[in-house]
Amino acid sequence: MKLKDVIKNVEEIQVFGNTDIEVTNITSDSRKIKSDGMFFAIKGFSLDGTKFINSAIENGATSIVVDNSVDISKLAISNGITVIVTTNIRYALAIFSCNLYDNPSNKLKLIGVTGTKGKTTSTYMIKSILEKAGYKVGLIGSIAIYIGDNKLEDTDRTTPESYKIQETLDLMVKERVEIAIVEVSSQAMKLDRVAGCKFDAVLFTNLSEDHISPKEHKDMEDYFNAKLSLAKLAPIVVTNIDNEYTKKLPDLLPNQNIITFSLKNKNANIFGKDLTPSNSSVDFTLEMNQQEERIHVSIPGEYMVYNALGAIGISSLFNATFEHFKDGLSNFKVFGRSEMVPNKLGLTIMIDYAHTPSSLESILKTVKPYTKGKVICTWGVGGDRDKAKRPIMGEISGTLADYTILTCDQARTENPRDIIADIEVGVKKVGGKYTVIVNRTEAIRHAISIATKDDIIVLPGLGSDLYIEYMGVKYPYNERTVIAEIIDEMLAEK
């Protein structure tokens, strides 16, 4: 596509150079630039993209985009390179990417899923139900990118950069995907990653205290408004009216079709009741469209019923039936979400992504009534995030778990011992039995060494993460592999 066609639909840009050149690829990563590429030199949170312009040109970039805070006279860009200056570089990246790939979101049905908790599980539930209904479905989320059963790649963030989204949607169109599901974070909205996307429906699962920090959202209002901005992009929104924030959507979005779900309000469009939980699944009765059916969900917990109700609401927009709901929810799994880990000792070990007070409370309340022995909770919380939740989560684990092992999570740029000290305040307050083992592998080893087959080891926090981040470096770390290796060592020592 000619550059002059790529740069359409964005106002307030200045162009220096030839626009009659070809553009074949767009990226903000100089290492990924190919011949006839367009490089976006973004000044991010930790890296300044303008420092990689020459590298991008060496790799094939023929056009460079910078924001208007950059003095291009000081960049020493070689002759023959077209330079574009814009007032909002991330928005321009999204729109130019839409243009280059000929707006693929217009060629399939697009579902956005947002919320504090349940985004990932909900996307997998929607995918499972819609596939039972006969659709070819694509998924872009925090664990991986899929087309049908084919995993294209693993991912390390909830929502990819905008150029990656458009490139992937274009591939999905070429692969005849009918419905694509995108997991959308609040940061993605603030950074315009889905700008230009045409959403057909949005699921807003819930909102709770999280992501309040200098690097994310200054307060809950800012957090909520970021999530709400996604809901404003779709004509149909499915929302949870049992949550203090998401219940506001019918009033805040009067011109959109709002479909509500609930476990408490029978006036909701989709209502769940009569829950029958176990430590591995949950059954409930679904009331919808004057019909009742019993639904089995193959992951435990009341919160999984909420996820199921939201997924049902979205799927129903695409003519999914009660049979599709039942078939799609009865036997699905999500990597890192209430994931049971098979092991040679026959222990009950669960990996989960719980990293907020409400999610930790939910997972512990789910497993405790159905565990004959002890609940051993081995966990920490992420650094550079809301510190106020740490003692609260300590109280929850100290109260609900029989034994708490405090350890390192995604420390990021904080000292793990400082994070653990904040959690300890809550554990001590309720008199919970606990120990501190900073090294996560050693903490897991201790949990396994003291567990019996009547106990359950709960490992909240990392979930699907396959790394541990410390001081800006991500070290490979797979809890499943760690568990297997520890048990193999224990068996070899016997």
Protein backbone atom coordinates (compact mmCIF):
# COMPACT_ATOMS: atom_id res chain seq x y z
CA MET A 1 0.00 0.00 0.00
CA LYS A 2 1.21 3.52 -0.78
CA LEU A 3 2.24 5.61 2.22
CA LYS A 4 -0.25 8.32 1.21
CA ASP A 5 -3.06 5.77 1.70
CA VAL A 6 -1.66 4.43 4.97
CA ILE A 7 -1.65 7.87 6.63
CA LYS A 8 -5.31 8.66 5.98
CA ASN A 9 -7.88 9.40 8.69
CA VAL A 10 -5.49 10.98 11.18
CA GLU A 11 -5.65 14.73 11.54
CA GLU A 12 -2.85 17.04 12.64
CA ILE A 13 0.07 15.30 10.98
CA GLN A 14 3.02 16.84 9.20
CA VAL A 15 4.79 14.95 6.44
CA PHE A 16 8.38 15.55 5.40
CA GLY A 17 9.29 13.55 2.31
CA ASN A 18 7.77 11.35 -0.35
CA THR A 19 4.36 9.75 0.32
CA ASP A 20 4.29 7.80 -2.95
CA ILE A 21 6.44 5.01 -1.51
CA GLU A 22 5.28 1.51 -0.60
CA VAL A 23 4.59 0.41 2.99
CA THR A 24 4.49 -3.31 3.69
CA ASN A 25 4.80 -3.44 7.48
CA ILE A 26 4.33 -1.29 10.59
CA THR A 27 5.87 -1.69 14.04
CA SER A 28 7.19 0.20 17.05
CA ASP A 29 9.93 -2.42 17.53
CA SER A 30 12.99 -1.62 15.42
CA ARG A 31 14.05 -5.28 15.52
CA LYS A 32 10.88 -6.33 13.70
CA ILE A 33 11.11 -3.83 10.86
CA LYS A 34 11.31 -5.33 7.38
CA SER A 35 11.91 -3.87 3.93
CA ASP A 36 9.59 -0.90 3.15
CA GLY A 37 8.61 -0.68 6.80
CA MET A 38 7.10 2.17 8.80
CA PHE A 39 8.73 2.62 12.22
CA PHE A 40 6.96 4.37 15.08
CA ALA A 41 9.55 5.94 17.40
CA ILE A 42 7.45 5.98 20.56
CA LYS A 43 8.73 7.44 23.82
CA GLY A 44 7.44 4.78 26.20
CA PHE A 45 7.55 4.26 29.96
CA SER A 46 11.07 2.84 29.92
CA LEU A 47 12.41 3.16 26.36
CA ASP A 48 12.77 6.10 23.96
CA GLY A 49 11.99 4.87 20.45
CA THR A 50 13.82 7.77 18.81
CA LYS A 51 17.08 6.15 19.91
CA PHE A 52 16.33 3.18 17.66
CA ILE A 53 15.52 5.08 14.45
CA ASN A 54 18.84 4.36 12.76
CA SER A 55 18.53 0.68 13.67
CA ALA A 56 15.05 0.62 12.15
CA ILE A 57 16.35 2.23 8.95
CA GLU A 58 19.16 -0.32 8.73
CA ASN A 59 16.51 -3.05 8.98
CA GLY A 60 14.45 -1.62 6.12
CA ALA A 61 12.33 1.28 7.41
CA THR A 62 11.62 3.87 4.73
CA SER A 63 9.27 6.02 6.83
CA ILE A 64 9.52 7.15 10.45
CA VAL A 65 6.76 8.47 12.72
CA VAL A 66 7.51 10.64 15.76
CA ASP A 67 5.36 12.72 18.10
CA ASN A 68 5.41 16.49 18.00
CA SER A 69 7.56 16.77 21.12
CA VAL A 70 10.53 15.52 19.09
CA ASP A 71 12.91 17.96 17.40
CA ILE A 72 13.44 16.13 14.12
CA SER A 73 16.35 18.39 13.17
CA LYS A 74 18.38 16.67 15.90
CA LEU A 75 17.63 13.12 14.80
CA ALA A 76 20.13 13.01 11.88
CA ILE A 77 17.78 10.87 9.77
CA SER A 78 19.32 9.89 6.45
CA ASN A 79 18.09 11.40 3.17
CA GLY A 80 15.29 9.58 1.38
CA ILE A 81 13.48 8.64 4.58
CA THR A 82 10.00 10.10 4.97
CA VAL A 83 9.29 11.54 8.40
CA ILE A 84 5.78 12.00 9.80
CA VAL A 85 5.07 14.08 12.89
CA THR A 86 1.83 13.52 14.81
CA THR A 87 0.22 14.87 17.97
CA ASN A 88 -0.85 11.41 19.21
CA ILE A 89 1.61 8.77 18.10
CA ARG A 90 -0.13 5.76 19.65
CA TYR A 91 -3.46 6.69 18.08
CA ALA A 92 -1.72 7.18 14.74
CA LEU A 93 -0.08 3.76 15.08
CA ALA A 94 -3.49 2.15 15.54
CA ILE A 95 -5.21 3.97 12.66
CA PHE A 96 -2.32 3.59 10.23
CA SER A 97 -2.29 -0.14 11.07
CA CYS A 98 -6.03 -0.35 10.38
CA ASN A 99 -5.44 1.33 7.02
CA LEU A 100 -2.51 -0.90 6.04
CA TYR A 101 -4.49 -4.07 6.74
CA ASP A 102 -7.69 -2.66 5.17
CA ASN A 103 -9.70 -2.53 8.41
CA PRO A 104 -10.04 -6.26 9.09
CA SER A 105 -12.43 -5.74 12.03
CA ASN A 106 -15.06 -4.70 9.45
CA LYS A 107 -14.81 -8.13 7.83
CA LEU A 108 -15.67 -10.31 10.83
CA LYS A 109 -17.59 -10.04 14.08
CA LEU A 110 -15.48 -8.60 16.88
CA ILE A 111 -16.08 -9.11 20.61
CA GLY A 112 -14.22 -7.14 23.28
CA VAL A 113 -13.93 -8.42 26.85
CA THR A 114 -12.84 -6.18 29.73
CA GLY A 115 -13.04 -6.07 33.54
CA THR A 116 -10.79 -6.53 36.55
CA LYS A 117 -11.36 -10.25 36.97
CA GLY A 118 -12.54 -12.97 34.66
CA LYS A 119 -11.44 -11.52 31.32
CA THR A 120 -9.29 -14.45 30.26
CA THR A 121 -11.64 -17.18 31.46
CA SER A 122 -14.60 -15.41 29.88
CA THR A 123 -12.88 -15.22 26.49
CA TYR A 124 -12.18 -18.95 26.57
CA MET A 125 -15.76 -19.67 27.62
CA ILE A 126 -17.12 -17.55 24.77
CA LYS A 127 -14.78 -19.26 22.31
CA SER A 128 -15.83 -22.71 23.53
CA ILE A 129 -19.56 -21.97 23.32
CA LEU A 130 -19.36 -20.32 19.89
CA GLU A 131 -17.33 -23.22 18.52
CA LYS A 132 -20.02 -25.60 19.76
CA ALA A 133 -22.44 -23.40 17.84
CA GLY A 134 -20.44 -24.05 14.68
CA TYR A 135 -18.43 -20.85 14.30
CA LYS A 136 -14.75 -20.55 13.42
CA VAL A 137 -13.40 -18.40 16.25
CA GLY A 138 -10.21 -16.45 16.81
CA LEU A 139 -8.88 -15.31 20.19
CA ILE A 140 -6.37 -12.60 21.11
CA GLY A 141 -5.68 -12.64 24.85
CA SER A 142 -3.27 -12.60 27.74
CA ILE A 143 -2.26 -16.27 27.41
CA ALA A 144 -2.05 -16.84 23.66
CA ILE A 145 -3.44 -16.08 20.21
CA TYR A 146 -5.60 -18.78 18.67
CA ILE A 147 -7.39 -19.52 15.46
CA GLY A 148 -9.66 -22.40 16.33
CA ASP A 149 -7.52 -25.02 18.08
CA ASN A 150 -4.35 -23.73 16.46
CA LYS A 151 -2.23 -21.68 18.87
CA LEU A 152 -0.37 -19.13 16.80
CA GLU A 153 1.83 -17.85 19.63
CA ASP A 154 2.07 -17.28 23.36
CA THR A 155 1.56 -13.73 24.62
CA ASP A 156 2.96 -11.82 27.59
CA ARG A 157 0.45 -9.01 27.93
CA THR A 158 -3.33 -8.79 28.08
CA THR A 159 -3.72 -6.79 24.87
CA PRO A 160 -1.03 -6.65 22.16
CA GLU A 161 0.13 -3.45 20.49
CA SER A 162 -2.30 -2.05 17.94
CA TYR A 163 -0.25 -3.07 14.89
CA LYS A 164 -0.15 -6.65 16.18
CA ILE A 165 -3.91 -6.68 16.68
CA GLN A 166 -4.56 -5.50 13.11
CA GLU A 167 -2.01 -7.90 11.64
CA THR A 168 -3.63 -10.77 13.55
CA LEU A 169 -7.18 -9.79 12.62
CA ASP A 170 -6.08 -9.60 8.98
CA LEU A 171 -4.71 -13.14 9.25
CA MET A 172 -7.96 -14.27 10.86
CA VAL A 173 -9.94 -12.80 7.96
CA LYS A 174 -7.72 -14.67 5.49
CA GLU A 175 -8.26 -17.87 7.52
CA ARG A 176 -12.03 -17.34 7.32
CA VAL A 177 -12.54 -16.68 11.01
CA GLU A 178 -16.13 -15.59 11.58
CA ILE A 179 -15.88 -14.21 15.14
CA ALA A 180 -12.80 -12.80 16.88
CA ILE A 181 -12.55 -12.22 20.63
CA VAL A 182 -10.10 -9.67 22.04
CA GLU A 183 -9.21 -9.36 25.71
CA VAL A 184 -8.91 -5.62 26.37
CA SER A 185 -7.12 -4.14 29.37
CA SER A 186 -7.61 -0.65 30.76
CA GLN A 187 -4.02 0.17 29.79
CA ALA A 188 -4.81 -0.87 26.22
CA MET A 189 -7.60 1.69 26.17
CA LYS A 190 -5.38 4.43 27.56
CA LEU A 191 -2.72 3.59 24.98
CA ASP A 192 -5.17 3.42 22.02
CA ARG A 193 -4.33 -0.19 21.18
CA VAL A 194 -7.84 -0.94 19.88
CA ALA A 195 -8.47 2.44 18.26
CA GLY A 196 -10.04 1.91 14.85
CA CYS A 197 -11.51 -1.48 15.76
CA LYS A 198 -15.19 -1.98 15.00
CA PHE A 199 -16.62 -3.89 17.96
CA ASP A 200 -19.95 -5.70 17.57
CA ALA A 201 -20.32 -6.43 21.30
CA VAL A 202 -18.46 -5.90 24.57
CA LEU A 203 -18.52 -7.89 27.82
CA PHE A 204 -17.73 -5.90 30.99
CA THR A 205 -17.23 -8.55 33.68
CA ASN A 206 -16.74 -6.46 36.85
CA LEU A 207 -14.50 -3.83 38.42
CA SER A 208 -12.61 -3.97 41.71
CA GLU A 209 -9.55 -2.45 43.38
CA ASP A 210 -6.52 -3.13 41.23
CA HIS A 211 -4.09 -1.41 38.88
CA ILE A 212 -4.04 1.77 41.00
CA SER A 213 -0.47 3.00 40.83
CA PRO A 214 1.60 5.87 39.40
CA LYS A 215 2.29 3.79 36.29
CA GLU A 216 -1.32 2.75 35.69
CA HIS A 217 -4.39 4.56 37.09
CA LYS A 218 -4.39 7.34 39.64
CA ASP A 219 -7.71 6.27 41.18
CA MET A 220 -10.76 4.05 40.68
CA GLU A 221 -12.58 6.68 38.67
CA ASP A 222 -9.75 6.81 36.15
CA TYR A 223 -9.66 3.00 36.07
CA PHE A 224 -13.42 2.71 35.54
CA ASN A 225 -13.48 5.35 32.81
CA ALA A 226 -10.73 3.53 30.92
CA LYS A 227 -12.80 0.34 30.96
CA LEU A 228 -15.99 2.25 30.14
CA SER A 229 -14.36 3.72 27.05
CA LEU A 230 -14.33 0.23 25.51
CA ALA A 231 -18.02 -0.31 26.27
CA LYS A 232 -18.79 2.95 24.45
CA LEU A 233 -17.37 1.49 21.22
CA ALA A 234 -19.97 -1.28 20.81
CA PRO A 235 -23.71 -1.16 20.08
CA ILE A 236 -24.34 -4.05 22.50
CA VAL A 237 -22.84 -4.40 25.99
CA VAL A 238 -23.22 -7.35 28.35
CA THR A 239 -22.62 -6.38 31.98
CA ASN A 240 -22.72 -7.68 35.54
CA ILE A 241 -25.28 -5.78 37.65
CA ASP A 242 -24.11 -7.34 40.93
CA ASN A 243 -20.96 -5.21 40.82
CA GLU A 244 -21.04 -1.67 42.21
CA TYR A 245 -19.33 -0.23 39.13
CA THR A 246 -20.64 -2.26 36.22
CA LYS A 247 -24.24 -1.97 37.41
CA LYS A 248 -24.01 1.71 36.39
CA LEU A 249 -23.73 0.91 32.69
CA PRO A 250 -27.46 0.90 31.83
CA ASP A 251 -27.67 4.51 33.08
CA LEU A 252 -24.33 5.61 31.64
CA LEU A 253 -24.98 4.15 28.19
CA PRO A 254 -28.64 4.95 27.47
CA ASN A 255 -28.25 4.72 23.69
CA GLN A 256 -26.82 1.21 23.66
CA ASN A 257 -28.40 -2.19 24.03
CA ILE A 258 -27.43 -3.33 27.54
CA ILE A 259 -27.83 -7.00 28.46
CA THR A 260 -27.51 -7.68 32.18
CA PHE A 261 -26.55 -10.78 34.16
CA SER A 262 -26.76 -11.52 37.87
CA LEU A 263 -26.79 -14.07 40.66
CA LYS A 264 -28.76 -11.75 42.95
CA ASN A 265 -31.22 -9.77 40.84
CA LYS A 266 -33.98 -11.78 39.18
CA ASN A 267 -34.78 -8.81 36.94
CA ALA A 268 -31.51 -9.33 35.06
CA ASN A 269 -31.77 -10.59 31.49
CA ILE A 270 -29.63 -13.59 32.44
CA PHE A 271 -29.97 -15.04 35.94
CA GLY A 272 -28.10 -17.82 37.71
CA LYS A 273 -29.36 -19.64 40.81
CA ASP A 274 -29.16 -22.84 42.87
CA LEU A 275 -25.38 -23.22 42.75
CA THR A 276 -23.91 -26.63 43.57
CA PRO A 277 -20.15 -26.22 44.01
CA SER A 278 -17.32 -28.71 44.44
CA ASN A 279 -13.55 -28.34 44.55
CA SER A 280 -13.30 -29.03 40.81
CA SER A 281 -16.49 -27.69 39.22
CA VAL A 282 -19.77 -25.88 39.83
CA ASP A 283 -23.35 -26.49 38.63
CA PHE A 284 -26.11 -23.88 38.48
CA THR A 285 -29.54 -23.24 37.03
CA LEU A 286 -29.65 -20.75 34.17
CA GLU A 287 -32.78 -18.62 33.72
CA MET A 288 -32.92 -16.86 30.37
CA ASN A 289 -35.62 -16.02 27.84
CA GLN A 290 -38.28 -17.66 30.04
CA GLN A 291 -36.37 -20.94 29.98
CA GLU A 292 -34.47 -22.84 32.67
CA GLU A 293 -31.62 -25.32 32.24
CA ARG A 294 -29.03 -26.87 34.51
CA ILE A 295 -25.46 -25.88 33.52
CA HIS A 296 -22.21 -27.62 34.51
CA VAL A 297 -18.98 -25.55 34.55
CA SER A 298 -15.73 -27.52 34.68
CA ILE A 299 -13.92 -24.93 36.82
CA PRO A 300 -14.99 -24.35 40.45
CA GLY A 301 -16.23 -21.20 42.16
CA GLU A 302 -19.10 -18.75 42.29
CA TYR A 303 -17.03 -16.31 40.28
CA MET A 304 -16.89 -18.91 37.49
CA VAL A 305 -20.67 -18.77 37.35
CA TYR A 306 -20.42 -15.02 36.84
CA ASN A 307 -17.93 -15.61 34.02
CA ALA A 308 -20.26 -18.21 32.53
CA LEU A 309 -23.26 -15.87 32.65
CA GLY A 310 -21.32 -13.14 30.85
CA ALA A 311 -20.09 -15.60 28.24
CA ILE A 312 -23.63 -16.87 27.76
CA GLY A 313 -24.86 -13.31 27.29
CA ILE A 314 -22.30 -12.62 24.57
CA SER A 315 -22.77 -15.98 22.86
CA SER A 316 -26.53 -15.60 22.77
CA LEU A 317 -26.06 -12.60 20.46
CA PHE A 318 -24.75 -15.03 17.86
CA ASN A 319 -27.65 -17.47 18.13
CA ALA A 320 -25.99 -19.86 20.55
CA THR A 321 -28.58 -22.06 22.29
CA PHE A 322 -28.88 -23.65 25.72
CA GLU A 323 -27.37 -26.83 24.30
CA HIS A 324 -24.37 -24.87 23.06
CA PHE A 325 -24.01 -23.24 26.50
CA LYS A 326 -24.04 -26.63 28.21
CA ASP A 327 -21.66 -28.28 25.75
CA GLY A 328 -19.27 -25.34 25.73
CA LEU A 329 -18.98 -24.97 29.50
CA SER A 330 -19.00 -28.60 30.64
CA ASN A 331 -15.44 -29.59 29.76
CA PHE A 332 -13.17 -26.64 29.12
CA LYS A 333 -9.94 -25.61 30.83
CA VAL A 334 -7.94 -22.40 31.00
CA PHE A 335 -4.17 -22.43 31.46
CA GLY A 336 -3.36 -20.85 34.84
CA ARG A 337 -6.95 -20.34 35.98
CA SER A 338 -8.01 -22.79 38.71
CA GLU A 339 -5.70 -25.24 36.94
CA MET A 340 -5.25 -28.59 38.65
CA VAL A 341 -1.67 -29.87 38.27
CA PRO A 342 -1.29 -33.66 37.85
CA ASN A 343 1.70 -34.99 39.77
CA LYS A 344 3.41 -38.25 40.75
CA LEU A 345 2.58 -37.87 44.45
CA GLY A 346 -1.14 -37.64 43.80
CA LEU A 347 -1.36 -34.32 45.65
CA THR A 348 -4.07 -31.76 44.96
CA ILE A 349 -2.25 -28.71 43.61
CA MET A 350 -4.01 -25.75 42.02
CA ILE A 351 -2.41 -22.91 40.06
CA ASP A 352 -4.48 -19.75 39.79
CA TYR A 353 -4.08 -16.14 38.72
CA ALA A 354 -5.75 -14.68 41.83
CA HIS A 355 -3.91 -11.45 42.66
CA THR A 356 -6.60 -9.23 44.21
CA PRO A 357 -8.38 -9.49 47.59
CA SER A 358 -11.67 -10.57 46.08
CA SER A 359 -10.13 -13.16 43.75
CA LEU A 360 -7.98 -14.64 46.53
CA GLU A 361 -10.99 -14.80 48.82
CA SER A 362 -13.06 -16.44 46.09
CA ILE A 363 -10.54 -19.18 45.33
CA LEU A 364 -9.94 -20.00 49.01
CA LYS A 365 -13.64 -20.00 49.84
CA THR A 366 -14.18 -22.28 46.87
CA VAL A 367 -11.69 -24.97 47.88
CA LYS A 368 -11.93 -24.85 51.69
CA PRO A 369 -15.34 -26.51 52.21
CA TYR A 370 -14.40 -29.43 49.97
CA THR A 371 -10.89 -30.10 51.30
CA LYS A 372 -10.68 -32.83 53.95
CA GLY A 373 -7.26 -31.74 55.20
CA LYS A 374 -5.41 -28.42 55.17
CA VAL A 375 -5.56 -25.55 52.70
CA ILE A 376 -1.92 -24.54 52.12
CA CYS A 377 -1.78 -21.19 50.38
CA THR A 378 1.62 -20.33 48.87
CA TRP A 379 1.73 -16.87 47.41
CA GLY A 380 2.88 -13.25 47.22
CA VAL A 381 1.67 -10.15 45.39
CA GLY A 382 3.08 -8.17 42.50
CA GLY A 383 5.33 -5.17 43.02
CA ASP A 384 4.66 -1.67 41.67
CA ARG A 385 0.92 -2.14 42.19
CA ASP A 386 -1.69 -1.08 44.75
CA LYS A 387 0.02 -1.49 48.14
CA ALA A 388 -3.19 -1.05 50.10
CA LYS A 389 -4.42 -4.51 49.08
CA ARG A 390 -1.43 -6.35 50.58
CA PRO A 391 -2.47 -6.48 54.26
CA ILE A 392 -6.06 -7.10 53.19
CA MET A 393 -4.97 -10.16 51.23
CA GLY A 394 -2.84 -11.20 54.20
CA GLU A 395 -5.94 -11.17 56.40
CA ILE A 396 -7.84 -13.25 53.83
CA SER A 397 -5.15 -15.91 53.59
CA GLY A 398 -4.55 -15.87 57.35
CA THR A 399 -8.26 -16.41 57.95
CA LEU A 400 -9.21 -18.87 55.21
CA ALA A 401 -6.04 -20.90 54.68
CA ASP A 402 -4.87 -23.32 57.34
CA TYR A 403 -1.27 -22.47 56.57
CA THR A 404 0.14 -19.57 54.55
CA ILE A 405 3.56 -19.56 52.91
CA LEU A 406 4.52 -16.03 51.87
CA THR A 407 6.89 -15.85 48.94
CA CYS A 408 7.95 -13.83 45.90
CA ASP A 409 5.55 -13.05 43.05
CA GLN A 410 6.19 -10.61 40.20
CA ALA A 411 8.33 -8.25 42.30
CA ARG A 412 9.08 -6.01 39.32
CA THR A 413 11.17 -3.13 40.73
CA GLU A 414 10.33 -3.64 44.42
CA ASN A 415 12.21 -5.61 47.06
CA PRO A 416 10.27 -8.87 47.61
CA ARG A 417 10.90 -8.69 51.37
CA ASP A 418 9.21 -5.28 51.51
CA ILE A 419 6.17 -6.66 49.71
CA ILE A 420 5.99 -9.66 52.03
CA ALA A 421 6.31 -7.39 55.08
CA ASP A 422 3.19 -5.51 53.93
CA ILE A 423 1.29 -8.81 53.61
CA GLU A 424 2.49 -10.03 57.00
CA VAL A 425 0.67 -7.16 58.71
CA GLY A 426 -2.65 -8.69 57.68
CA VAL A 427 -1.71 -12.29 58.45
CA LYS A 428 -0.54 -11.35 61.94
CA LYS A 429 -3.65 -9.29 62.57
CA VAL A 430 -5.89 -12.36 62.30
CA GLY A 431 -3.43 -14.73 63.95
CA GLY A 432 -2.93 -16.85 60.86
CA LYS A 433 -0.34 -19.60 60.88
CA TYR A 434 2.35 -18.73 58.36
CA THR A 435 5.99 -18.76 57.34
CA VAL A 436 8.12 -16.69 54.97
CA ILE A 437 10.22 -18.30 52.23
CA VAL A 438 11.20 -15.60 49.73
CA ASN A 439 12.43 -17.95 47.00
CA ARG A 440 9.30 -19.17 45.23
CA THR A 441 10.72 -22.56 44.29
CA GLU A 442 11.75 -23.25 47.88
CA ALA A 443 8.33 -22.10 49.07
CA ILE A 444 6.65 -24.58 46.71
CA ARG A 445 9.08 -27.28 47.85
CA HIS A 446 8.09 -26.64 51.48
CA ALA A 447 4.38 -26.78 50.62
CA ILE A 448 4.80 -30.11 48.83
CA SER A 449 6.94 -31.55 51.62
CA ILE A 450 4.26 -30.97 54.26
CA ALA A 451 1.17 -31.79 52.17
CA THR A 452 -0.86 -34.98 52.35
CA LYS A 453 -3.37 -36.30 49.84
CA ASP A 454 -6.18 -34.83 51.95
CA ASP A 455 -4.70 -31.32 51.63
CA ILE A 456 -4.79 -28.82 48.79
CA ILE A 457 -1.89 -26.56 47.79
CA VAL A 458 -3.12 -23.32 46.25
CA LEU A 459 -0.59 -21.29 44.26
CA PRO A 460 -2.23 -17.94 43.47
CA GLY A 461 -0.54 -15.16 41.54
CA LEU A 462 1.42 -16.29 38.51
CA GLY A 463 -1.37 -18.18 36.77
CA SER A 464 -0.42 -18.41 33.10
CA ASP A 465 2.76 -16.35 33.51
CA LEU A 466 5.80 -18.31 32.42
CA TYR A 467 8.31 -15.96 34.00
CA ILE A 468 9.15 -14.12 37.21
CA GLU A 469 10.04 -10.45 36.87
CA TYR A 470 12.66 -8.97 39.16
CA MET A 471 14.26 -5.55 38.77
CA GLY A 472 13.06 -5.18 35.20
CA VAL A 473 14.25 -8.62 34.05
CA LYS A 474 11.88 -11.47 33.23
CA TYR A 475 13.32 -14.85 34.18
CA PRO A 476 11.72 -18.00 32.66
CA TYR A 477 9.60 -19.76 35.29
CA ASN A 478 6.92 -22.40 34.78
CA GLU A 479 5.29 -23.51 38.04
CA ARG A 480 4.16 -26.79 36.49
CA THR A 481 7.76 -27.68 35.59
CA VAL A 482 8.96 -26.53 39.00
CA ILE A 483 6.40 -28.77 40.73
CA ALA A 484 7.36 -31.78 38.60
CA GLU A 485 11.08 -31.28 39.21
CA ILE A 486 10.64 -30.89 42.96
CA ILE A 487 8.59 -34.07 43.17
CA ASP A 488 11.08 -35.98 41.01
CA GLU A 489 13.87 -34.89 43.38
CA MET A 490 11.84 -35.97 46.41
CA LEU A 491 11.09 -39.39 44.89
CA ALA A 492 14.77 -39.85 43.97
CA GLU A 493 15.79 -39.15 47.57
CA LYS A 494 13.55 -41.86 49.00
